[in-house]
Amino acid sequence: MKKTLLSVIAAGLLLAGTATYSQGPERNISGRRHPNLAAAQKLSRQAYERISEAQRANEFDMEGHAQRAKDLLEQVNAELKAAAEAANRNR
């Protein structure tokens, strides 16, 4: 019983860790058309990667604050993409 429970917990942690490493803001704004928005997107991606590094260094023991910051950076990325699309429509 204990082995099964520990296996389930370990699998869950592994899955959660994998999801953390594989996600992140995309780089999908044209630097040619929108150099400032593309630069902002690049910086948000770098911030996301640094937070991931901090999580690994602290063994993910940050009480969820780092993950919330990463979630906000994903929202930032979506808004930057929306801004670029709006600029494209309004040209």
PDB file of N, CA and C in Angstrom:
ATOM      1  N   MET A   1       0.827  -1.194   0.000  1.00  0.00           N
ATOM      2  CA  MET A   1       0.000   0.000   0.000  1.00  0.00           C
ATOM      3  C   MET A   1       0.877   1.266   0.000  1.00  0.00           C
ATOM      4  N   LYS A   2       1.896   1.272   0.900  1.00  0.00           N
ATOM      5  CA  LYS A   2       2.765   2.435   0.965  1.00  0.00           C
ATOM      6  C   LYS A   2       3.555   2.617  -0.333  1.00  0.00           C
ATOM      7  N   LYS A   3       4.015   1.504  -0.911  1.00  0.00           N
ATOM      8  CA  LYS A   3       4.768   1.590  -2.158  1.00  0.00           C
ATOM      9  C   LYS A   3       3.913   2.151  -3.282  1.00  0.00           C
ATOM     10  N   THR A   4       2.676   1.722  -3.333  1.00  0.00           N
ATOM     11  CA  THR A   4       1.764   2.207  -4.371  1.00  0.00           C
ATOM     12  C   THR A   4       1.513   3.699  -4.211  1.00  0.00           C
ATOM     13  N   LEU A   5       1.267   4.110  -2.987  1.00  0.00           N
ATOM     14  CA  LEU A   5       1.019   5.524  -2.719  1.00  0.00           C
ATOM     15  C   LEU A   5       2.240   6.365  -3.074  1.00  0.00           C
ATOM     16  N   LEU A   6       3.416   5.907  -2.682  1.00  0.00           N
ATOM     17  CA  LEU A   6       4.640   6.633  -3.013  1.00  0.00           C
ATOM     18  C   LEU A   6       4.872   6.680  -4.521  1.00  0.00           C
ATOM     19  N   SER A   7       4.545   5.600  -5.207  1.00  0.00           N
ATOM     20  CA  SER A   7       4.700   5.578  -6.667  1.00  0.00           C
ATOM     21  C   SER A   7       3.772   6.586  -7.329  1.00  0.00           C
ATOM     22  N   VAL A   8       2.555   6.679  -6.847  1.00  0.00           N
ATOM     23  CA  VAL A   8       1.585   7.628  -7.404  1.00  0.00           C
ATOM     24  C   VAL A   8       2.052   9.059  -7.147  1.00  0.00           C
ATOM     25  N   ILE A   9       2.539   9.315  -5.951  1.00  0.00           N
ATOM     26  CA  ILE A   9       3.024  10.662  -5.622  1.00  0.00           C
ATOM     27  C   ILE A   9       4.233  11.008  -6.485  1.00  0.00           C
ATOM     28  N   ALA A  10       5.166  10.081  -6.618  1.00  0.00           N
ATOM     29  CA  ALA A  10       6.360  10.323  -7.428  1.00  0.00           C
ATOM     30  C   ALA A  10       5.989  10.579  -8.884  1.00  0.00           C
ATOM     31  N   ALA A  11       5.054   9.815  -9.406  1.00  0.00           N
ATOM     32  CA  ALA A  11       4.621  10.004 -10.790  1.00  0.00           C
ATOM     33  C   ALA A  11       3.977  11.376 -10.964  1.00  0.00           C
ATOM     34  N   GLY A  12       3.173  11.791  -9.996  1.00  0.00           N
ATOM     35  CA  GLY A  12       2.542  13.105 -10.060  1.00  0.00           C
ATOM     36  C   GLY A  12       3.555  14.232 -10.041  1.00  0.00           C
ATOM     37  N   LEU A  13       4.565  14.108  -9.182  1.00  0.00           N
ATOM     38  CA  LEU A  13       5.608  15.134  -9.127  1.00  0.00           C
ATOM     39  C   LEU A  13       6.410  15.181 -10.416  1.00  0.00           C
ATOM     40  N   LEU A  14       6.697  14.021 -10.966  1.00  0.00           N
ATOM     41  CA  LEU A  14       7.428  13.956 -12.230  1.00  0.00           C
ATOM     42  C   LEU A  14       6.627  14.615 -13.347  1.00  0.00           C
ATOM     43  N   LEU A  15       5.350  14.335 -13.392  1.00  0.00           N
ATOM     44  CA  LEU A  15       4.478  14.920 -14.407  1.00  0.00           C
ATOM     45  C   LEU A  15       4.400  16.436 -14.243  1.00  0.00           C
ATOM     46  N   ALA A  16       4.253  16.893 -13.018  1.00  0.00           N
ATOM     47  CA  ALA A  16       4.186  18.335 -12.762  1.00  0.00           C
ATOM     48  C   ALA A  16       5.490  19.011 -13.152  1.00  0.00           C
ATOM     49  N   GLY A  17       6.611  18.389 -12.841  1.00  0.00           N
ATOM     50  CA  GLY A  17       7.905  18.948 -13.204  1.00  0.00           C
ATOM     51  C   GLY A  17       8.103  19.005 -14.694  1.00  0.00           C
ATOM     52  N   THR A  18       7.667  17.978 -15.405  1.00  0.00           N
ATOM     53  CA  THR A  18       7.781  17.943 -16.853  1.00  0.00           C
ATOM     54  C   THR A  18       6.942  19.044 -17.480  1.00  0.00           C
ATOM     55  N   ALA A  19       5.742  19.248 -16.978  1.00  0.00           N
ATOM     56  CA  ALA A  19       4.876  20.304 -17.503  1.00  0.00           C
ATOM     57  C   ALA A  19       5.520  21.672 -17.300  1.00  0.00           C
ATOM     58  N   THR A  20       6.194  21.859 -16.183  1.00  0.00           N
ATOM     59  CA  THR A  20       6.850  23.128 -15.903  1.00  0.00           C
ATOM     60  C   THR A  20       7.975  23.388 -16.883  1.00  0.00           C
ATOM     61  N   TYR A  21       8.758  22.365 -17.221  1.00  0.00           N
ATOM     62  CA  TYR A  21       9.888  22.539 -18.122  1.00  0.00           C
ATOM     63  C   TYR A  21       9.446  22.733 -19.565  1.00  0.00           C
ATOM     64  N   SER A  22       8.330  22.172 -19.967  1.00  0.00           N
ATOM     65  CA  SER A  22       7.980  22.152 -21.378  1.00  0.00           C
ATOM     66  C   SER A  22       7.162  23.359 -21.827  1.00  0.00           C
ATOM     67  N   GLN A  23       6.588  24.103 -20.911  1.00  0.00           N
ATOM     68  CA  GLN A  23       5.736  25.207 -21.301  1.00  0.00           C
ATOM     69  C   GLN A  23       6.498  26.518 -21.235  1.00  0.00           C
ATOM     70  N   GLY A  24       5.913  27.509 -21.831  1.00  0.00           N
ATOM     71  CA  GLY A  24       6.509  28.831 -21.768  1.00  0.00           C
ATOM     72  C   GLY A  24       5.969  29.701 -22.871  1.00  0.00           C
ATOM     73  N   PRO A  25       6.186  30.999 -22.740  1.00  0.00           N
ATOM     74  CA  PRO A  25       5.717  31.902 -23.783  1.00  0.00           C
ATOM     75  C   PRO A  25       6.364  31.579 -25.123  1.00  0.00           C
ATOM     76  N   GLU A  26       5.569  31.653 -26.166  1.00  0.00           N
ATOM     77  CA  GLU A  26       6.088  31.386 -27.507  1.00  0.00           C
ATOM     78  C   GLU A  26       6.763  32.629 -28.060  1.00  0.00           C
ATOM     79  N   ARG A  27       7.578  32.403 -29.068  1.00  0.00           N
ATOM     80  CA  ARG A  27       8.194  33.515 -29.801  1.00  0.00           C
ATOM     81  C   ARG A  27       7.491  33.587 -31.140  1.00  0.00           C
ATOM     82  N   ASN A  28       6.439  34.372 -31.224  1.00  0.00           N
ATOM     83  CA  ASN A  28       5.647  34.364 -32.446  1.00  0.00           C
ATOM     84  C   ASN A  28       5.270  35.758 -32.938  1.00  0.00           C
ATOM     85  N   ILE A  29       5.997  36.757 -32.506  1.00  0.00           N
ATOM     86  CA  ILE A  29       5.765  38.110 -33.012  1.00  0.00           C
ATOM     87  C   ILE A  29       6.907  38.441 -33.972  1.00  0.00           C
ATOM     88  N   SER A  30       6.563  38.930 -35.128  1.00  0.00           N
ATOM     89  CA  SER A  30       7.562  39.277 -36.139  1.00  0.00           C
ATOM     90  C   SER A  30       8.416  40.457 -35.676  1.00  0.00           C
ATOM     91  N   GLY A  31       9.705  40.223 -35.556  1.00  0.00           N
ATOM     92  CA  GLY A  31      10.621  41.299 -35.189  1.00  0.00           C
ATOM     93  C   GLY A  31      10.766  42.341 -36.285  1.00  0.00           C
ATOM     94  N   ARG A  32      10.494  41.937 -37.518  1.00  0.00           N
ATOM     95  CA  ARG A  32      10.565  42.869 -38.651  1.00  0.00           C
ATOM     96  C   ARG A  32       9.390  43.844 -38.626  1.00  0.00           C
ATOM     97  N   ARG A  33       8.199  43.326 -38.339  1.00  0.00           N
ATOM     98  CA  ARG A  33       6.998  44.181 -38.340  1.00  0.00           C
ATOM     99  C   ARG A  33       6.801  44.918 -37.028  1.00  0.00           C
ATOM    100  N   HIS A  34       7.178  44.270 -35.921  1.00  0.00           N
ATOM    101  CA  HIS A  34       6.926  44.839 -34.583  1.00  0.00           C
ATOM    102  C   HIS A  34       8.160  44.650 -33.700  1.00  0.00           C
ATOM    103  N   PRO A  35       9.223  45.400 -33.957  1.00  0.00           N
ATOM    104  CA  PRO A  35      10.470  45.165 -33.218  1.00  0.00           C
ATOM    105  C   PRO A  35      10.338  45.368 -31.702  1.00  0.00           C
ATOM    106  N   ASN A  36       9.556  46.341 -31.272  1.00  0.00           N
ATOM    107  CA  ASN A  36       9.411  46.589 -29.836  1.00  0.00           C
ATOM    108  C   ASN A  36       8.614  45.483 -29.150  1.00  0.00           C
ATOM    109  N   LEU A  37       7.531  45.060 -29.791  1.00  0.00           N
ATOM    110  CA  LEU A  37       6.737  43.973 -29.204  1.00  0.00           C
ATOM    111  C   LEU A  37       7.518  42.661 -29.205  1.00  0.00           C
ATOM    112  N   ALA A  38       8.275  42.422 -30.267  1.00  0.00           N
ATOM    113  CA  ALA A  38       9.093  41.206 -30.325  1.00  0.00           C
ATOM    114  C   ALA A  38      10.161  41.230 -29.235  1.00  0.00           C
ATOM    115  N   ALA A  39      10.742  42.403 -28.992  1.00  0.00           N
ATOM    116  CA  ALA A  39      11.745  42.523 -27.928  1.00  0.00           C
ATOM    117  C   ALA A  39      11.113  42.278 -26.556  1.00  0.00           C
ATOM    118  N   ALA A  40       9.922  42.822 -26.347  1.00  0.00           N
ATOM    119  CA  ALA A  40       9.220  42.594 -25.080  1.00  0.00           C
ATOM    120  C   ALA A  40       8.896  41.110 -24.911  1.00  0.00           C
ATOM    121  N   GLN A  41       8.498  40.456 -25.991  1.00  0.00           N
ATOM    122  CA  GLN A  41       8.204  39.032 -25.934  1.00  0.00           C
ATOM    123  C   GLN A  41       9.467  38.230 -25.592  1.00  0.00           C
ATOM    124  N   LYS A  42      10.586  38.633 -26.163  1.00  0.00           N
ATOM    125  CA  LYS A  42      11.851  37.952 -25.870  1.00  0.00           C
ATOM    126  C   LYS A  42      12.200  38.098 -24.390  1.00  0.00           C
ATOM    127  N   LEU A  43      12.015  39.291 -23.847  1.00  0.00           N
ATOM    128  CA  LEU A  43      12.313  39.515 -22.430  1.00  0.00           C
ATOM    129  C   LEU A  43      11.379  38.710 -21.526  1.00  0.00           C
ATOM    130  N   SER A  44      10.104  38.600 -21.904  1.00  0.00           N
ATOM    131  CA  SER A  44       9.181  37.800 -21.094  1.00  0.00           C
ATOM    132  C   SER A  44       9.577  36.331 -21.124  1.00  0.00           C
ATOM    133  N   ARG A  45      10.058  35.876 -22.270  1.00  0.00           N
ATOM    134  CA  ARG A  45      10.534  34.492 -22.390  1.00  0.00           C
ATOM    135  C   ARG A  45      11.766  34.273 -21.504  1.00  0.00           C
ATOM    136  N   GLN A  46      12.686  35.240 -21.511  1.00  0.00           N
ATOM    137  CA  GLN A  46      13.877  35.129 -20.670  1.00  0.00           C
ATOM    138  C   GLN A  46      13.506  35.120 -19.189  1.00  0.00           C
ATOM    139  N   ALA A  47      12.561  35.955 -18.807  1.00  0.00           N
ATOM    140  CA  ALA A  47      12.119  35.979 -17.408  1.00  0.00           C
ATOM    141  C   ALA A  47      11.510  34.633 -17.016  1.00  0.00           C
ATOM    142  N   TYR A  48      10.719  34.072 -17.913  1.00  0.00           N
ATOM    143  CA  TYR A  48      10.098  32.771 -17.666  1.00  0.00           C
ATOM    144  C   TYR A  48      11.173  31.702 -17.449  1.00  0.00           C
ATOM    145  N   GLU A  49      12.199  31.720 -18.295  1.00  0.00           N
ATOM    146  CA  GLU A  49      13.278  30.737 -18.179  1.00  0.00           C
ATOM    147  C   GLU A  49      14.058  30.910 -16.881  1.00  0.00           C
ATOM    148  N   ARG A  50      14.280  32.153 -16.454  1.00  0.00           N
ATOM    149  CA  ARG A  50      14.992  32.398 -15.200  1.00  0.00           C
ATOM    150  C   ARG A  50      14.179  31.935 -13.996  1.00  0.00           C
ATOM    151  N   ILE A  51      12.876  32.114 -14.068  1.00  0.00           N
ATOM    152  CA  ILE A  51      12.017  31.623 -12.981  1.00  0.00           C
ATOM    153  C   ILE A  51      12.093  30.106 -12.923  1.00  0.00           C
ATOM    154  N   SER A  52      12.085  29.459 -14.084  1.00  0.00           N
ATOM    155  CA  SER A  52      12.210  27.993 -14.120  1.00  0.00           C
ATOM    156  C   SER A  52      13.527  27.554 -13.480  1.00  0.00           C
ATOM    157  N   GLU A  53      14.605  28.280 -13.770  1.00  0.00           N
ATOM    158  CA  GLU A  53      15.899  27.966 -13.169  1.00  0.00           C
ATOM    159  C   GLU A  53      15.850  28.140 -11.653  1.00  0.00           C
ATOM    160  N   ALA A  54      15.179  29.191 -11.202  1.00  0.00           N
ATOM    161  CA  ALA A  54      15.049  29.423  -9.758  1.00  0.00           C
ATOM    162  C   ALA A  54      14.239  28.299  -9.109  1.00  0.00           C
ATOM    163  N   GLN A  55      13.192  27.851  -9.791  1.00  0.00           N
ATOM    164  CA  GLN A  55      12.403  26.745  -9.257  1.00  0.00           C
ATOM    165  C   GLN A  55      13.262  25.496  -9.095  1.00  0.00           C
ATOM    166  N   ARG A  56      14.042  25.188 -10.114  1.00  0.00           N
ATOM    167  CA  ARG A  56      14.901  24.001 -10.031  1.00  0.00           C
ATOM    168  C   ARG A  56      15.919  24.147  -8.910  1.00  0.00           C
ATOM    169  N   ALA A  57      16.515  25.325  -8.776  1.00  0.00           N
ATOM    170  CA  ALA A  57      17.529  25.563  -7.749  1.00  0.00           C
ATOM    171  C   ALA A  57      16.943  25.447  -6.348  1.00  0.00           C
ATOM    172  N   ASN A  58      15.671  25.795  -6.216  1.00  0.00           N
ATOM    173  CA  ASN A  58      15.007  25.749  -4.905  1.00  0.00           C
ATOM    174  C   ASN A  58      14.123  24.523  -4.749  1.00  0.00           C
ATOM    175  N   GLU A  59      14.308  23.563  -5.630  1.00  0.00           N
ATOM    176  CA  GLU A  59      13.550  22.311  -5.598  1.00  0.00           C
ATOM    177  C   GLU A  59      12.040  22.578  -5.559  1.00  0.00           C
ATOM    178  N   PHE A  60      11.610  23.586  -6.309  1.00  0.00           N
ATOM    179  CA  PHE A  60      10.192  23.929  -6.478  1.00  0.00           C
ATOM    180  C   PHE A  60       9.510  24.297  -5.165  1.00  0.00           C
ATOM    181  N   ASP A  61      10.297  24.657  -4.130  1.00  0.00           N
ATOM    182  CA  ASP A  61       9.742  25.002  -2.832  1.00  0.00           C
ATOM    183  C   ASP A  61       9.617  26.515  -2.707  1.00  0.00           C
ATOM    184  N   MET A  62       8.677  27.088  -3.464  1.00  0.00           N
ATOM    185  CA  MET A  62       8.477  28.530  -3.454  1.00  0.00           C
ATOM    186  C   MET A  62       7.016  28.871  -3.178  1.00  0.00           C
ATOM    187  N   GLU A  63       6.309  27.924  -2.624  1.00  0.00           N
ATOM    188  CA  GLU A  63       4.907  28.094  -2.215  1.00  0.00           C
ATOM    189  C   GLU A  63       3.996  28.554  -3.348  1.00  0.00           C
ATOM    190  N   GLY A  64       4.336  28.201  -4.564  1.00  0.00           N
ATOM    191  CA  GLY A  64       3.480  28.507  -5.708  1.00  0.00           C
ATOM    192  C   GLY A  64       3.673  29.887  -6.309  1.00  0.00           C
ATOM    193  N   HIS A  65       4.480  30.724  -5.676  1.00  0.00           N
ATOM    194  CA  HIS A  65       4.650  32.094  -6.168  1.00  0.00           C
ATOM    195  C   HIS A  65       5.368  32.121  -7.518  1.00  0.00           C
ATOM    196  N   ALA A  66       6.384  31.302  -7.676  1.00  0.00           N
ATOM    197  CA  ALA A  66       7.110  31.273  -8.945  1.00  0.00           C
ATOM    198  C   ALA A  66       6.201  30.797 -10.075  1.00  0.00           C
ATOM    199  N   GLN A  67       5.401  29.801  -9.811  1.00  0.00           N
ATOM    200  CA  GLN A  67       4.484  29.304 -10.839  1.00  0.00           C
ATOM    201  C   GLN A  67       3.456  30.368 -11.213  1.00  0.00           C
ATOM    202  N   ARG A  68       2.977  31.106 -10.221  1.00  0.00           N
ATOM    203  CA  ARG A  68       2.027  32.183 -10.525  1.00  0.00           C
ATOM    204  C   ARG A  68       2.684  33.268 -11.379  1.00  0.00           C
ATOM    205  N   ALA A  69       3.939  33.560 -11.096  1.00  0.00           N
ATOM    206  CA  ALA A  69       4.657  34.537 -11.917  1.00  0.00           C
ATOM    207  C   ALA A  69       4.791  34.035 -13.353  1.00  0.00           C
ATOM    208  N   LYS A  70       5.069  32.740 -13.519  1.00  0.00           N
ATOM    209  CA  LYS A  70       5.161  32.169 -14.863  1.00  0.00           C
ATOM    210  C   LYS A  70       3.811  32.225 -15.571  1.00  0.00           C
ATOM    211  N   ASP A  71       2.743  31.966 -14.838  1.00  0.00           N
ATOM    212  CA  ASP A  71       1.402  32.062 -15.425  1.00  0.00           C
ATOM    213  C   ASP A  71       1.128  33.481 -15.914  1.00  0.00           C
ATOM    214  N   LEU A  72       1.538  34.466 -15.125  1.00  0.00           N
ATOM    215  CA  LEU A  72       1.353  35.866 -15.530  1.00  0.00           C
ATOM    216  C   LEU A  72       2.177  36.200 -16.766  1.00  0.00           C
ATOM    217  N   LEU A  73       3.372  35.653 -16.859  1.00  0.00           N
ATOM    218  CA  LEU A  73       4.189  35.891 -18.053  1.00  0.00           C
ATOM    219  C   LEU A  73       3.551  35.272 -19.293  1.00  0.00           C
ATOM    220  N   GLU A  74       2.873  34.151 -19.140  1.00  0.00           N
ATOM    221  CA  GLU A  74       2.152  33.583 -20.274  1.00  0.00           C
ATOM    222  C   GLU A  74       1.013  34.504 -20.693  1.00  0.00           C
ATOM    223  N   GLN A  75       0.360  35.142 -19.712  1.00  0.00           N
ATOM    224  CA  GLN A  75      -0.690  36.111 -20.039  1.00  0.00           C
ATOM    225  C   GLN A  75      -0.086  37.333 -20.739  1.00  0.00           C
ATOM    226  N   VAL A  76       1.069  37.787 -20.271  1.00  0.00           N
ATOM    227  CA  VAL A  76       1.775  38.899 -20.911  1.00  0.00           C
ATOM    228  C   VAL A  76       2.034  38.560 -22.373  1.00  0.00           C
ATOM    229  N   ASN A  77       2.524  37.362 -22.609  1.00  0.00           N
ATOM    230  CA  ASN A  77       2.830  36.932 -23.969  1.00  0.00           C
ATOM    231  C   ASN A  77       1.577  36.965 -24.848  1.00  0.00           C
ATOM    232  N   ALA A  78       0.471  36.493 -24.317  1.00  0.00           N
ATOM    233  CA  ALA A  78      -0.787  36.498 -25.081  1.00  0.00           C
ATOM    234  C   ALA A  78      -1.222  37.928 -25.407  1.00  0.00           C
ATOM    235  N   GLU A  79      -1.049  38.843 -24.466  1.00  0.00           N
ATOM    236  CA  GLU A  79      -1.428  40.239 -24.704  1.00  0.00           C
ATOM    237  C   GLU A  79      -0.497  40.895 -25.722  1.00  0.00           C
ATOM    238  N   LEU A  80       0.786  40.559 -25.668  1.00  0.00           N
ATOM    239  CA  LEU A  80       1.718  41.100 -26.660  1.00  0.00           C
ATOM    240  C   LEU A  80       1.346  40.625 -28.058  1.00  0.00           C
ATOM    241  N   LYS A  81       1.002  39.361 -28.172  1.00  0.00           N
ATOM    242  CA  LYS A  81       0.582  38.807 -29.471  1.00  0.00           C
ATOM    243  C   LYS A  81      -0.695  39.499 -29.943  1.00  0.00           C
ATOM    244  N   ALA A  82      -1.635  39.707 -29.031  1.00  0.00           N
ATOM    245  CA  ALA A  82      -2.888  40.395 -29.381  1.00  0.00           C
ATOM    246  C   ALA A  82      -2.604  41.830 -29.831  1.00  0.00           C
ATOM    247  N   ALA A  83      -1.655  42.489 -29.181  1.00  0.00           N
ATOM    248  CA  ALA A  83      -1.293  43.855 -29.569  1.00  0.00           C
ATOM    249  C   ALA A  83      -0.717  43.877 -30.984  1.00  0.00           C
ATOM    250  N   ALA A  84       0.138  42.912 -31.301  1.00  0.00           N
ATOM    251  CA  ALA A  84       0.713  42.839 -32.645  1.00  0.00           C
ATOM    252  C   ALA A  84      -0.380  42.582 -33.678  1.00  0.00           C
ATOM    253  N   GLU A  85      -1.306  41.693 -33.362  1.00  0.00           N
ATOM    254  CA  GLU A  85      -2.404  41.403 -34.298  1.00  0.00           C
ATOM    255  C   GLU A  85      -3.296  42.623 -34.487  1.00  0.00           C
ATOM    256  N   ALA A  86      -3.546  43.367 -33.406  1.00  0.00           N
ATOM    257  CA  ALA A  86      -4.370  44.582 -33.511  1.00  0.00           C
ATOM    258  C   ALA A  86      -3.656  45.619 -34.381  1.00  0.00           C
ATOM    259  N   ALA A  87      -2.364  45.755 -34.201  1.00  0.00           N
ATOM    260  CA  ALA A  87      -1.598  46.700 -35.028  1.00  0.00           C
ATOM    261  C   ALA A  87      -1.654  46.294 -36.494  1.00  0.00           C
ATOM    262  N   ASN A  88      -1.602  44.984 -36.751  1.00  0.00           N
ATOM    263  CA  ASN A  88      -1.686  44.503 -38.138  1.00  0.00           C
ATOM    264  C   ASN A  88      -3.052  44.855 -38.749  1.00  0.00           C
ATOM    265  N   ARG A  89      -4.108  44.697 -37.977  1.00  0.00           N
ATOM    266  CA  ARG A  89      -5.455  44.982 -38.494  1.00  0.00           C
ATOM    267  C   ARG A  89      -5.671  46.467 -38.730  1.00  0.00           C
ATOM    268  N   ASN A  90      -5.029  47.293 -37.911  1.00  0.00           N
ATOM    269  CA  ASN A  90      -5.291  48.738 -37.951  1.00  0.00           C
ATOM    270  C   ASN A  90      -4.313  49.521 -38.815  1.00  0.00           C
ATOM    271  N   ARG A  91      -3.512  48.834 -39.576  1.00  0.00           N
ATOM    272  CA  ARG A  91      -2.552  49.530 -40.441  1.00  0.00           C
ATOM    273  C   ARG A  91      -3.216  50.094 -41.640  1.00  0.00           C
TER     274      ARG A  91
END
